[in-house]
Amino acid sequence: MIRVAGSMLCVVGVLLFAAASCNDTRDCAACPEMVAVPGGSFSMGSPPGDRQATEQPVHDVSVRPFSMSRYEIRFDEWDACVKDRGCNGKDAIDQDWGRGAMPAFNVDWNDAQAYVRWLSRKSGKRYRLPTEAEWEYAARAGSRERYSWGSEMQRGHAVCFSECGPEADQPSRVGTTTANAFGLHDLHGNLWEWVQDCWHATYDGAPRDGSAWEQAGCTQRTIRGGSWNCTSFDVRSTVRGGMPHSIRYNTVGIRVVRDD
């Protein structure tokens, strides 16, 4: 057992009618590379210096071990699902920014659910979206600071529009940023990532066992991590936002987990 310690949502994008681990695995040729994340506990939410209403109150959470995709899901991984008659047949639109190793965007929360169902069928393992607590725990990778590497932005660690290095005008290929201590890439910026939880404007009443915070009939789901068109402040480990589950944007993608 290890102990580890939103602001206003930046412009979401164009609406389209939408340290490395040795325990990584790939369960099928088209499946994403997965990294084992150890269980532990941490303080979830923004520290006093960054106090944001949507990231309060800070609360202690315990998380069981799980595996997470090393990168955001790529277009070629998404395309394999569509070709195999999965993913609701939704061919994610790349806006001529490239496919292959580019992270798949313009996928909504419902599409993401179809993708993890397909992965589960292909692999015989249980794939799903991360819970919000799992996502933040993985993004922090043991850090109590703004970012997994410390309190100040550093070049090469995030893809964003301002203060991360070169100004981004689109997402980057997966893995162009430095991995965190768990061996995971691109958790700060590049794309917002869908998680399982319904959107709640604060953490009042949030679960403390790492489970997803569901609510009957919710129509908005939570996104984490910020994107390529955010400032450095909006790609902190604690940044969160909410979106209708059926809308696709060019700033939102997915990352998956597997139960171990």
C-alpha atoms as a PDB file:
ATOM      1  CA  MET A   1       0.000   0.000   0.000  1.00  0.00           C
ATOM      2  CA  ILE A   2       1.411   3.380  -0.960  1.00  0.00           C
ATOM      3  CA  ARG A   3       0.344   6.810   0.222  1.00  0.00           C
ATOM      4  CA  VAL A   4       0.147   9.433  -2.459  1.00  0.00           C
ATOM      5  CA  ALA A   5      -1.027  12.686  -2.092  1.00  0.00           C
ATOM      6  CA  GLY A   6     -12.105  22.874 -12.321  1.00  0.00           C
ATOM      7  CA  SER A   7     -11.365  25.652 -12.755  1.00  0.00           C
ATOM      8  CA  MET A   8     -13.487  27.203 -15.523  1.00  0.00           C
ATOM      9  CA  LEU A   9     -13.464  24.737 -18.402  1.00  0.00           C
ATOM     10  CA  CYS A  10     -11.206  26.140 -21.109  1.00  0.00           C
ATOM     11  CA  VAL A  11     -12.695  26.411 -24.573  1.00  0.00           C
ATOM     12  CA  VAL A  12     -13.797  22.885 -25.368  1.00  0.00           C
ATOM     13  CA  GLY A  13     -13.276  22.986 -29.093  1.00  0.00           C
ATOM     14  CA  VAL A  14     -15.247  22.696 -32.308  1.00  0.00           C
ATOM     15  CA  LEU A  15     -18.583  20.963 -31.813  1.00  0.00           C
ATOM     16  CA  LEU A  16     -19.163  18.256 -34.376  1.00  0.00           C
ATOM     17  CA  PHE A  17     -22.567  16.854 -34.902  1.00  0.00           C
ATOM     18  CA  ALA A  18     -19.643  16.589 -32.324  1.00  0.00           C
ATOM     19  CA  ALA A  19       8.741   6.072 -15.180  1.00  0.00           C
ATOM     20  CA  ALA A  20       7.884   3.132 -17.258  1.00  0.00           C
ATOM     21  CA  SER A  21       6.513  -0.026 -15.726  1.00  0.00           C
ATOM     22  CA  CYS A  22       7.749  -3.510 -16.526  1.00  0.00           C
ATOM     23  CA  ASN A  23       4.217  -4.792 -15.847  1.00  0.00           C
ATOM     24  CA  ASP A  24       2.705  -3.591 -19.120  1.00  0.00           C
ATOM     25  CA  THR A  25       0.517  -5.957 -21.148  1.00  0.00           C
ATOM     26  CA  ARG A  26      -1.418  -6.040 -24.394  1.00  0.00           C
ATOM     27  CA  ASP A  27      -4.320  -8.486 -24.390  1.00  0.00           C
ATOM     28  CA  CYS A  28      -4.814  -8.683 -28.165  1.00  0.00           C
ATOM     29  CA  ALA A  29      -3.116  -7.341 -31.269  1.00  0.00           C
ATOM     30  CA  ALA A  30      -5.533  -4.418 -31.484  1.00  0.00           C
ATOM     31  CA  CYS A  31      -5.748  -3.826 -27.738  1.00  0.00           C
ATOM     32  CA  PRO A  32      -4.007  -0.847 -26.107  1.00  0.00           C
ATOM     33  CA  GLU A  33      -0.828  -1.263 -24.100  1.00  0.00           C
ATOM     34  CA  MET A  34      -1.717  -1.410 -20.407  1.00  0.00           C
ATOM     35  CA  VAL A  35       0.356  -0.454 -17.365  1.00  0.00           C
ATOM     36  CA  ALA A  36      -0.181  -1.865 -13.867  1.00  0.00           C
ATOM     37  CA  VAL A  37      -1.029   0.851 -11.326  1.00  0.00           C
ATOM     38  CA  PRO A  38      -0.563  -0.111  -7.649  1.00  0.00           C
ATOM     39  CA  GLY A  39      -3.347   0.495  -5.189  1.00  0.00           C
ATOM     40  CA  GLY A  40      -3.041   3.132  -2.492  1.00  0.00           C
ATOM     41  CA  SER A  41      -4.651   6.173  -0.907  1.00  0.00           C
ATOM     42  CA  PHE A  42      -4.376   9.890  -1.651  1.00  0.00           C
ATOM     43  CA  SER A  43      -5.949  13.274  -0.972  1.00  0.00           C
ATOM     44  CA  MET A  44      -8.228  14.089  -3.907  1.00  0.00           C
ATOM     45  CA  GLY A  45      -8.868  17.713  -4.846  1.00  0.00           C
ATOM     46  CA  SER A  46      -6.903  20.931  -5.244  1.00  0.00           C
ATOM     47  CA  PRO A  47      -4.494  22.135  -2.543  1.00  0.00           C
ATOM     48  CA  PRO A  48      -5.030  25.518  -0.781  1.00  0.00           C
ATOM     49  CA  GLY A  49      -2.987  27.516  -3.307  1.00  0.00           C
ATOM     50  CA  ASP A  50      -5.116  26.319  -6.229  1.00  0.00           C
ATOM     51  CA  ARG A  51      -8.432  26.124  -4.413  1.00  0.00           C
ATOM     52  CA  GLN A  52     -11.162  25.761  -7.035  1.00  0.00           C
ATOM     53  CA  ALA A  53     -14.813  25.229  -6.105  1.00  0.00           C
ATOM     54  CA  THR A  54     -15.205  22.252  -8.427  1.00  0.00           C
ATOM     55  CA  GLU A  55     -12.151  20.596  -6.853  1.00  0.00           C
ATOM     56  CA  GLN A  56     -13.360  20.881  -3.246  1.00  0.00           C
ATOM     57  CA  PRO A  57     -13.613  19.629  -0.617  1.00  0.00           C
ATOM     58  CA  VAL A  58     -10.324  17.740  -0.496  1.00  0.00           C
ATOM     59  CA  HIS A  59     -11.047  14.204   0.699  1.00  0.00           C
ATOM     60  CA  ASP A  60      -9.055  11.031   1.291  1.00  0.00           C
ATOM     61  CA  VAL A  61      -9.697   8.204  -1.169  1.00  0.00           C
ATOM     62  CA  SER A  62      -8.445   4.613  -1.291  1.00  0.00           C
ATOM     63  CA  VAL A  63      -7.951   2.989  -4.704  1.00  0.00           C
ATOM     64  CA  ARG A  64      -7.551  -0.714  -5.501  1.00  0.00           C
ATOM     65  CA  PRO A  65      -4.879  -1.867  -8.002  1.00  0.00           C
ATOM     66  CA  PHE A  66      -5.860  -1.628 -11.683  1.00  0.00           C
ATOM     67  CA  SER A  67      -4.239  -1.340 -15.094  1.00  0.00           C
ATOM     68  CA  MET A  68      -4.528   1.771 -17.276  1.00  0.00           C
ATOM     69  CA  SER A  69      -3.715   2.341 -20.927  1.00  0.00           C
ATOM     70  CA  ARG A  70      -0.256   3.831 -21.244  1.00  0.00           C
ATOM     71  CA  TYR A  71      -1.545   6.347 -23.784  1.00  0.00           C
ATOM     72  CA  GLU A  72      -4.818   7.889 -24.798  1.00  0.00           C
ATOM     73  CA  ILE A  73      -6.645   5.555 -27.173  1.00  0.00           C
ATOM     74  CA  ARG A  74      -5.244   6.037 -30.660  1.00  0.00           C
ATOM     75  CA  PHE A  75      -7.091   6.383 -33.943  1.00  0.00           C
ATOM     76  CA  ASP A  76      -5.697   3.082 -35.220  1.00  0.00           C
ATOM     77  CA  GLU A  77      -7.013   1.332 -32.090  1.00  0.00           C
ATOM     78  CA  TRP A  78     -10.402   2.970 -32.556  1.00  0.00           C
ATOM     79  CA  ASP A  79     -10.422   2.089 -36.264  1.00  0.00           C
ATOM     80  CA  ALA A  80      -9.757  -1.577 -35.429  1.00  0.00           C
ATOM     81  CA  CYS A  81     -12.877  -1.551 -33.268  1.00  0.00           C
ATOM     82  CA  VAL A  82     -15.014  -0.006 -36.021  1.00  0.00           C
ATOM     83  CA  LYS A  83     -13.636  -2.456 -38.599  1.00  0.00           C
ATOM     84  CA  ASP A  84     -14.606  -5.325 -36.300  1.00  0.00           C
ATOM     85  CA  ARG A  85     -18.180  -3.954 -36.098  1.00  0.00           C
ATOM     86  CA  GLY A  86     -17.713  -2.476 -32.660  1.00  0.00           C
ATOM     87  CA  CYS A  87     -17.807   1.105 -31.361  1.00  0.00           C
ATOM     88  CA  ASN A  88     -21.397   1.539 -32.581  1.00  0.00           C
ATOM     89  CA  GLY A  89     -19.898   1.783 -36.064  1.00  0.00           C
ATOM     90  CA  LYS A  90     -18.836   5.361 -35.285  1.00  0.00           C
ATOM     91  CA  ASP A  91     -15.883   6.403 -37.448  1.00  0.00           C
ATOM     92  CA  ALA A  92     -14.263   9.130 -35.323  1.00  0.00           C
ATOM     93  CA  ILE A  93     -13.614  12.268 -37.409  1.00  0.00           C
ATOM     94  CA  ASP A  94      -9.950  13.307 -37.467  1.00  0.00           C
ATOM     95  CA  GLN A  95     -10.416  16.754 -39.107  1.00  0.00           C
ATOM     96  CA  ASP A  96      -7.431  15.984 -41.374  1.00  0.00           C
ATOM     97  CA  TRP A  97      -5.063  16.117 -38.383  1.00  0.00           C
ATOM     98  CA  GLY A  98      -4.002  12.519 -38.981  1.00  0.00           C
ATOM     99  CA  ARG A  99      -4.944   9.094 -37.697  1.00  0.00           C
ATOM    100  CA  GLY A 100      -2.621   6.201 -36.768  1.00  0.00           C
ATOM    101  CA  ALA A 101      -0.852   7.146 -33.538  1.00  0.00           C
ATOM    102  CA  MET A 102      -2.852  10.338 -33.064  1.00  0.00           C
ATOM    103  CA  PRO A 103      -5.200  10.162 -30.069  1.00  0.00           C
ATOM    104  CA  ALA A 104      -8.794   9.488 -31.081  1.00  0.00           C
ATOM    105  CA  PHE A 105     -11.098  12.447 -30.497  1.00  0.00           C
ATOM    106  CA  ASN A 106     -14.637  13.372 -31.493  1.00  0.00           C
ATOM    107  CA  VAL A 107     -15.928  10.394 -29.507  1.00  0.00           C
ATOM    108  CA  ASP A 108     -18.694  10.837 -26.952  1.00  0.00           C
ATOM    109  CA  TRP A 109     -19.179   9.011 -23.660  1.00  0.00           C
ATOM    110  CA  ASN A 110     -21.582   6.525 -25.245  1.00  0.00           C
ATOM    111  CA  ASP A 111     -19.041   5.723 -27.965  1.00  0.00           C
ATOM    112  CA  ALA A 112     -16.452   5.156 -25.234  1.00  0.00           C
ATOM    113  CA  GLN A 113     -18.751   2.654 -23.547  1.00  0.00           C
ATOM    114  CA  ALA A 114     -19.091   0.774 -26.834  1.00  0.00           C
ATOM    115  CA  TYR A 115     -15.302   0.716 -27.194  1.00  0.00           C
ATOM    116  CA  VAL A 116     -14.686  -0.812 -23.761  1.00  0.00           C
ATOM    117  CA  ARG A 117     -17.406  -3.421 -24.416  1.00  0.00           C
ATOM    118  CA  TRP A 118     -15.600  -4.366 -27.619  1.00  0.00           C
ATOM    119  CA  LEU A 119     -12.249  -4.584 -25.828  1.00  0.00           C
ATOM    120  CA  SER A 120     -13.802  -6.801 -23.182  1.00  0.00           C
ATOM    121  CA  ARG A 121     -15.186  -9.163 -25.845  1.00  0.00           C
ATOM    122  CA  LYS A 122     -11.892  -9.281 -27.740  1.00  0.00           C
ATOM    123  CA  SER A 123      -9.719  -9.877 -24.682  1.00  0.00           C
ATOM    124  CA  GLY A 124     -11.902 -11.825 -22.300  1.00  0.00           C
ATOM    125  CA  LYS A 125     -10.915  -9.275 -19.627  1.00  0.00           C
ATOM    126  CA  ARG A 126     -13.036  -6.522 -18.067  1.00  0.00           C
ATOM    127  CA  TYR A 127     -12.202  -3.163 -19.643  1.00  0.00           C
ATOM    128  CA  ARG A 128     -13.987   0.035 -18.642  1.00  0.00           C
ATOM    129  CA  LEU A 129     -13.512   3.771 -18.312  1.00  0.00           C
ATOM    130  CA  PRO A 130     -11.565   4.848 -15.232  1.00  0.00           C
ATOM    131  CA  THR A 131     -13.425   6.243 -12.291  1.00  0.00           C
ATOM    132  CA  GLU A 132     -12.661   9.869 -11.553  1.00  0.00           C
ATOM    133  CA  ALA A 133     -10.727   8.865  -8.430  1.00  0.00           C
ATOM    134  CA  GLU A 134      -8.649   6.310 -10.350  1.00  0.00           C
ATOM    135  CA  TRP A 135      -7.911   8.901 -13.016  1.00  0.00           C
ATOM    136  CA  GLU A 136      -6.623  11.514 -10.550  1.00  0.00           C
ATOM    137  CA  TYR A 137      -4.650   8.919  -8.592  1.00  0.00           C
ATOM    138  CA  ALA A 138      -2.964   7.771 -11.819  1.00  0.00           C
ATOM    139  CA  ALA A 139      -2.335  11.349 -13.002  1.00  0.00           C
ATOM    140  CA  ARG A 140      -0.702  12.329  -9.709  1.00  0.00           C
ATOM    141  CA  ALA A 141       1.496   9.203  -9.632  1.00  0.00           C
ATOM    142  CA  GLY A 142       2.420   9.919  -6.018  1.00  0.00           C
ATOM    143  CA  SER A 143       2.690  13.710  -6.322  1.00  0.00           C
ATOM    144  CA  ARG A 144       0.897  16.184  -4.066  1.00  0.00           C
ATOM    145  CA  GLU A 145       1.814  19.098  -6.338  1.00  0.00           C
ATOM    146  CA  ARG A 146      -0.021  20.670  -9.288  1.00  0.00           C
ATOM    147  CA  TYR A 147       1.487  18.199 -11.718  1.00  0.00           C
ATOM    148  CA  SER A 148       2.904  14.709 -11.441  1.00  0.00           C
ATOM    149  CA  TRP A 149       6.453  16.139 -11.655  1.00  0.00           C
ATOM    150  CA  GLY A 150       6.062  19.160  -9.335  1.00  0.00           C
ATOM    151  CA  SER A 151       4.444  22.548  -8.830  1.00  0.00           C
ATOM    152  CA  GLU A 152       5.727  24.324 -11.977  1.00  0.00           C
ATOM    153  CA  MET A 153       5.084  23.566 -15.631  1.00  0.00           C
ATOM    154  CA  GLN A 154       8.060  22.101 -17.506  1.00  0.00           C
ATOM    155  CA  ARG A 155       8.570  21.881 -21.249  1.00  0.00           C
ATOM    156  CA  GLY A 156       7.974  18.443 -22.692  1.00  0.00           C
ATOM    157  CA  HIS A 157       5.620  17.311 -19.952  1.00  0.00           C
ATOM    158  CA  ALA A 158       2.258  18.504 -21.306  1.00  0.00           C
ATOM    159  CA  VAL A 159       0.540  19.509 -24.536  1.00  0.00           C
ATOM    160  CA  CYS A 160      -1.422  22.748 -24.131  1.00  0.00           C
ATOM    161  CA  PHE A 161      -1.944  26.131 -25.772  1.00  0.00           C
ATOM    162  CA  SER A 162      -0.142  28.325 -23.264  1.00  0.00           C
ATOM    163  CA  GLU A 163       2.913  27.944 -20.994  1.00  0.00           C
ATOM    164  CA  CYS A 164       3.614  24.272 -21.774  1.00  0.00           C
ATOM    165  CA  GLY A 165       6.160  24.981 -24.504  1.00  0.00           C
ATOM    166  CA  PRO A 166       5.226  25.568 -28.162  1.00  0.00           C
ATOM    167  CA  GLU A 167       1.620  26.747 -28.478  1.00  0.00           C
ATOM    168  CA  ALA A 168      -0.477  23.778 -29.568  1.00  0.00           C
ATOM    169  CA  ASP A 169      -3.072  24.214 -32.297  1.00  0.00           C
ATOM    170  CA  GLN A 170      -4.124  20.558 -32.319  1.00  0.00           C
ATOM    171  CA  PRO A 171      -3.420  17.403 -30.281  1.00  0.00           C
ATOM    172  CA  SER A 172      -0.072  15.641 -30.579  1.00  0.00           C
ATOM    173  CA  ARG A 173       0.716  12.010 -31.295  1.00  0.00           C
ATOM    174  CA  VAL A 174       0.440   9.919 -28.158  1.00  0.00           C
ATOM    175  CA  GLY A 175       3.589   9.543 -26.096  1.00  0.00           C
ATOM    176  CA  THR A 176       5.250  12.798 -27.115  1.00  0.00           C
ATOM    177  CA  THR A 177       5.300  13.931 -23.487  1.00  0.00           C
ATOM    178  CA  THR A 178       7.419  12.532 -20.655  1.00  0.00           C
ATOM    179  CA  ALA A 179       5.870   9.606 -18.769  1.00  0.00           C
ATOM    180  CA  ASN A 180       4.926  10.032 -15.128  1.00  0.00           C
ATOM    181  CA  ALA A 181       6.184   7.802 -12.310  1.00  0.00           C
ATOM    182  CA  PHE A 182       3.617   5.128 -13.193  1.00  0.00           C
ATOM    183  CA  GLY A 183       4.756   5.056 -16.831  1.00  0.00           C
ATOM    184  CA  LEU A 184       1.666   6.846 -18.159  1.00  0.00           C
ATOM    185  CA  HIS A 185       1.770   9.576 -20.829  1.00  0.00           C
ATOM    186  CA  ASP A 186      -0.355  12.583 -21.779  1.00  0.00           C
ATOM    187  CA  LEU A 187      -2.465  12.869 -18.637  1.00  0.00           C
ATOM    188  CA  HIS A 188      -1.759  16.616 -18.559  1.00  0.00           C
ATOM    189  CA  GLY A 189      -3.333  18.184 -21.625  1.00  0.00           C
ATOM    190  CA  ASN A 190      -3.453  16.833 -25.182  1.00  0.00           C
ATOM    191  CA  LEU A 191      -7.085  15.661 -24.809  1.00  0.00           C
ATOM    192  CA  TRP A 192      -9.668  15.829 -22.074  1.00  0.00           C
ATOM    193  CA  GLU A 193     -10.537  12.242 -21.169  1.00  0.00           C
ATOM    194  CA  TRP A 194     -13.945  10.800 -20.356  1.00  0.00           C
ATOM    195  CA  VAL A 195     -14.293   9.005 -17.034  1.00  0.00           C
ATOM    196  CA  GLN A 196     -17.158   6.871 -15.774  1.00  0.00           C
ATOM    197  CA  ASP A 197     -18.593   9.280 -13.212  1.00  0.00           C
ATOM    198  CA  CYS A 198     -21.654  11.476 -13.530  1.00  0.00           C
ATOM    199  CA  TRP A 199     -20.763  15.156 -13.291  1.00  0.00           C
ATOM    200  CA  HIS A 200     -21.067  16.735  -9.856  1.00  0.00           C
ATOM    201  CA  ALA A 201     -20.098  20.387  -9.406  1.00  0.00           C
ATOM    202  CA  THR A 202     -18.241  19.700  -6.125  1.00  0.00           C
ATOM    203  CA  TYR A 203     -16.953  16.714  -4.159  1.00  0.00           C
ATOM    204  CA  ASP A 204     -19.624  17.003  -1.456  1.00  0.00           C
ATOM    205  CA  GLY A 205     -20.777  13.420  -0.895  1.00  0.00           C
ATOM    206  CA  ALA A 206     -18.171  11.881  -3.212  1.00  0.00           C
ATOM    207  CA  PRO A 207     -17.278   8.202  -2.627  1.00  0.00           C
ATOM    208  CA  ARG A 208     -14.018   7.497  -0.814  1.00  0.00           C
ATOM    209  CA  ASP A 209     -13.448   3.935  -2.034  1.00  0.00           C
ATOM    210  CA  GLY A 210     -12.337   4.785  -5.580  1.00  0.00           C
ATOM    211  CA  SER A 211     -15.670   3.795  -7.126  1.00  0.00           C
ATOM    212  CA  ALA A 212     -17.524   5.797  -9.768  1.00  0.00           C
ATOM    213  CA  TRP A 213     -19.952   8.444  -8.530  1.00  0.00           C
ATOM    214  CA  GLU A 214     -23.107   7.507 -10.394  1.00  0.00           C
ATOM    215  CA  GLN A 215     -26.538   9.095 -10.305  1.00  0.00           C
ATOM    216  CA  ALA A 216     -29.738   7.816 -11.855  1.00  0.00           C
ATOM    217  CA  GLY A 217     -30.611   9.588 -15.078  1.00  0.00           C
ATOM    218  CA  CYS A 218     -27.510  11.792 -15.250  1.00  0.00           C
ATOM    219  CA  THR A 219     -26.952  13.298 -18.682  1.00  0.00           C
ATOM    220  CA  GLN A 220     -23.560  14.899 -18.034  1.00  0.00           C
ATOM    221  CA  ARG A 221     -20.363  12.937 -17.463  1.00  0.00           C
ATOM    222  CA  THR A 222     -17.005  14.036 -16.130  1.00  0.00           C
ATOM    223  CA  ILE A 223     -13.911  14.802 -18.191  1.00  0.00           C
ATOM    224  CA  ARG A 224     -10.394  15.125 -16.795  1.00  0.00           C
ATOM    225  CA  GLY A 225      -6.939  16.396 -17.696  1.00  0.00           C
ATOM    226  CA  GLY A 226      -7.411  19.439 -19.902  1.00  0.00           C
ATOM    227  CA  SER A 227      -6.558  19.576 -23.588  1.00  0.00           C
ATOM    228  CA  TRP A 228      -4.310  21.043 -26.261  1.00  0.00           C
ATOM    229  CA  ASN A 229      -6.207  24.378 -26.212  1.00  0.00           C
ATOM    230  CA  CYS A 230      -5.949  24.952 -22.439  1.00  0.00           C
ATOM    231  CA  THR A 231      -3.508  26.993 -20.393  1.00  0.00           C
ATOM    232  CA  SER A 232      -1.025  25.260 -18.095  1.00  0.00           C
ATOM    233  CA  PHE A 233      -3.266  25.971 -15.084  1.00  0.00           C
ATOM    234  CA  ASP A 234      -6.071  24.020 -16.719  1.00  0.00           C
ATOM    235  CA  VAL A 235      -4.027  20.846 -17.192  1.00  0.00           C
ATOM    236  CA  ARG A 236      -3.291  20.335 -13.488  1.00  0.00           C
ATOM    237  CA  SER A 237      -3.865  16.869 -11.996  1.00  0.00           C
ATOM    238  CA  THR A 238      -6.973  18.108 -10.195  1.00  0.00           C
ATOM    239  CA  VAL A 239      -8.735  19.912 -13.071  1.00  0.00           C
ATOM    240  CA  ARG A 240     -12.174  18.546 -13.908  1.00  0.00           C
ATOM    241  CA  GLY A 241     -15.159  19.452 -16.025  1.00  0.00           C
ATOM    242  CA  GLY A 242     -18.563  18.142 -17.068  1.00  0.00           C
ATOM    243  CA  MET A 243     -20.122  17.622 -20.504  1.00  0.00           C
ATOM    244  CA  PRO A 244     -23.298  16.128 -21.973  1.00  0.00           C
ATOM    245  CA  HIS A 245     -22.540  12.469 -22.611  1.00  0.00           C
ATOM    246  CA  SER A 246     -23.777  12.533 -26.218  1.00  0.00           C
ATOM    247  CA  ILE A 247     -21.649  15.402 -27.588  1.00  0.00           C
ATOM    248  CA  ARG A 248     -18.377  15.011 -29.500  1.00  0.00           C
ATOM    249  CA  TYR A 249     -15.547  17.538 -29.505  1.00  0.00           C
ATOM    250  CA  ASN A 250     -12.089  17.724 -31.032  1.00  0.00           C
ATOM    251  CA  THR A 251     -10.602  18.199 -27.567  1.00  0.00           C
ATOM    252  CA  VAL A 252     -12.061  15.092 -25.886  1.00  0.00           C
ATOM    253  CA  GLY A 253     -10.861  11.484 -26.097  1.00  0.00           C
ATOM    254  CA  ILE A 254     -10.564   8.445 -23.869  1.00  0.00           C
ATOM    255  CA  ARG A 255      -8.220   6.331 -21.823  1.00  0.00           C
ATOM    256  CA  VAL A 256      -9.236   2.913 -20.492  1.00  0.00           C
ATOM    257  CA  VAL A 257      -8.605   0.746 -17.476  1.00  0.00           C
ATOM    258  CA  ARG A 258      -8.698  -3.005 -16.936  1.00  0.00           C
ATOM    259  CA  ASP A 259      -9.630  -4.708 -13.697  1.00  0.00           C
ATOM    260  CA  ASP A 260      -6.751  -6.851 -12.383  1.00  0.00           C
END
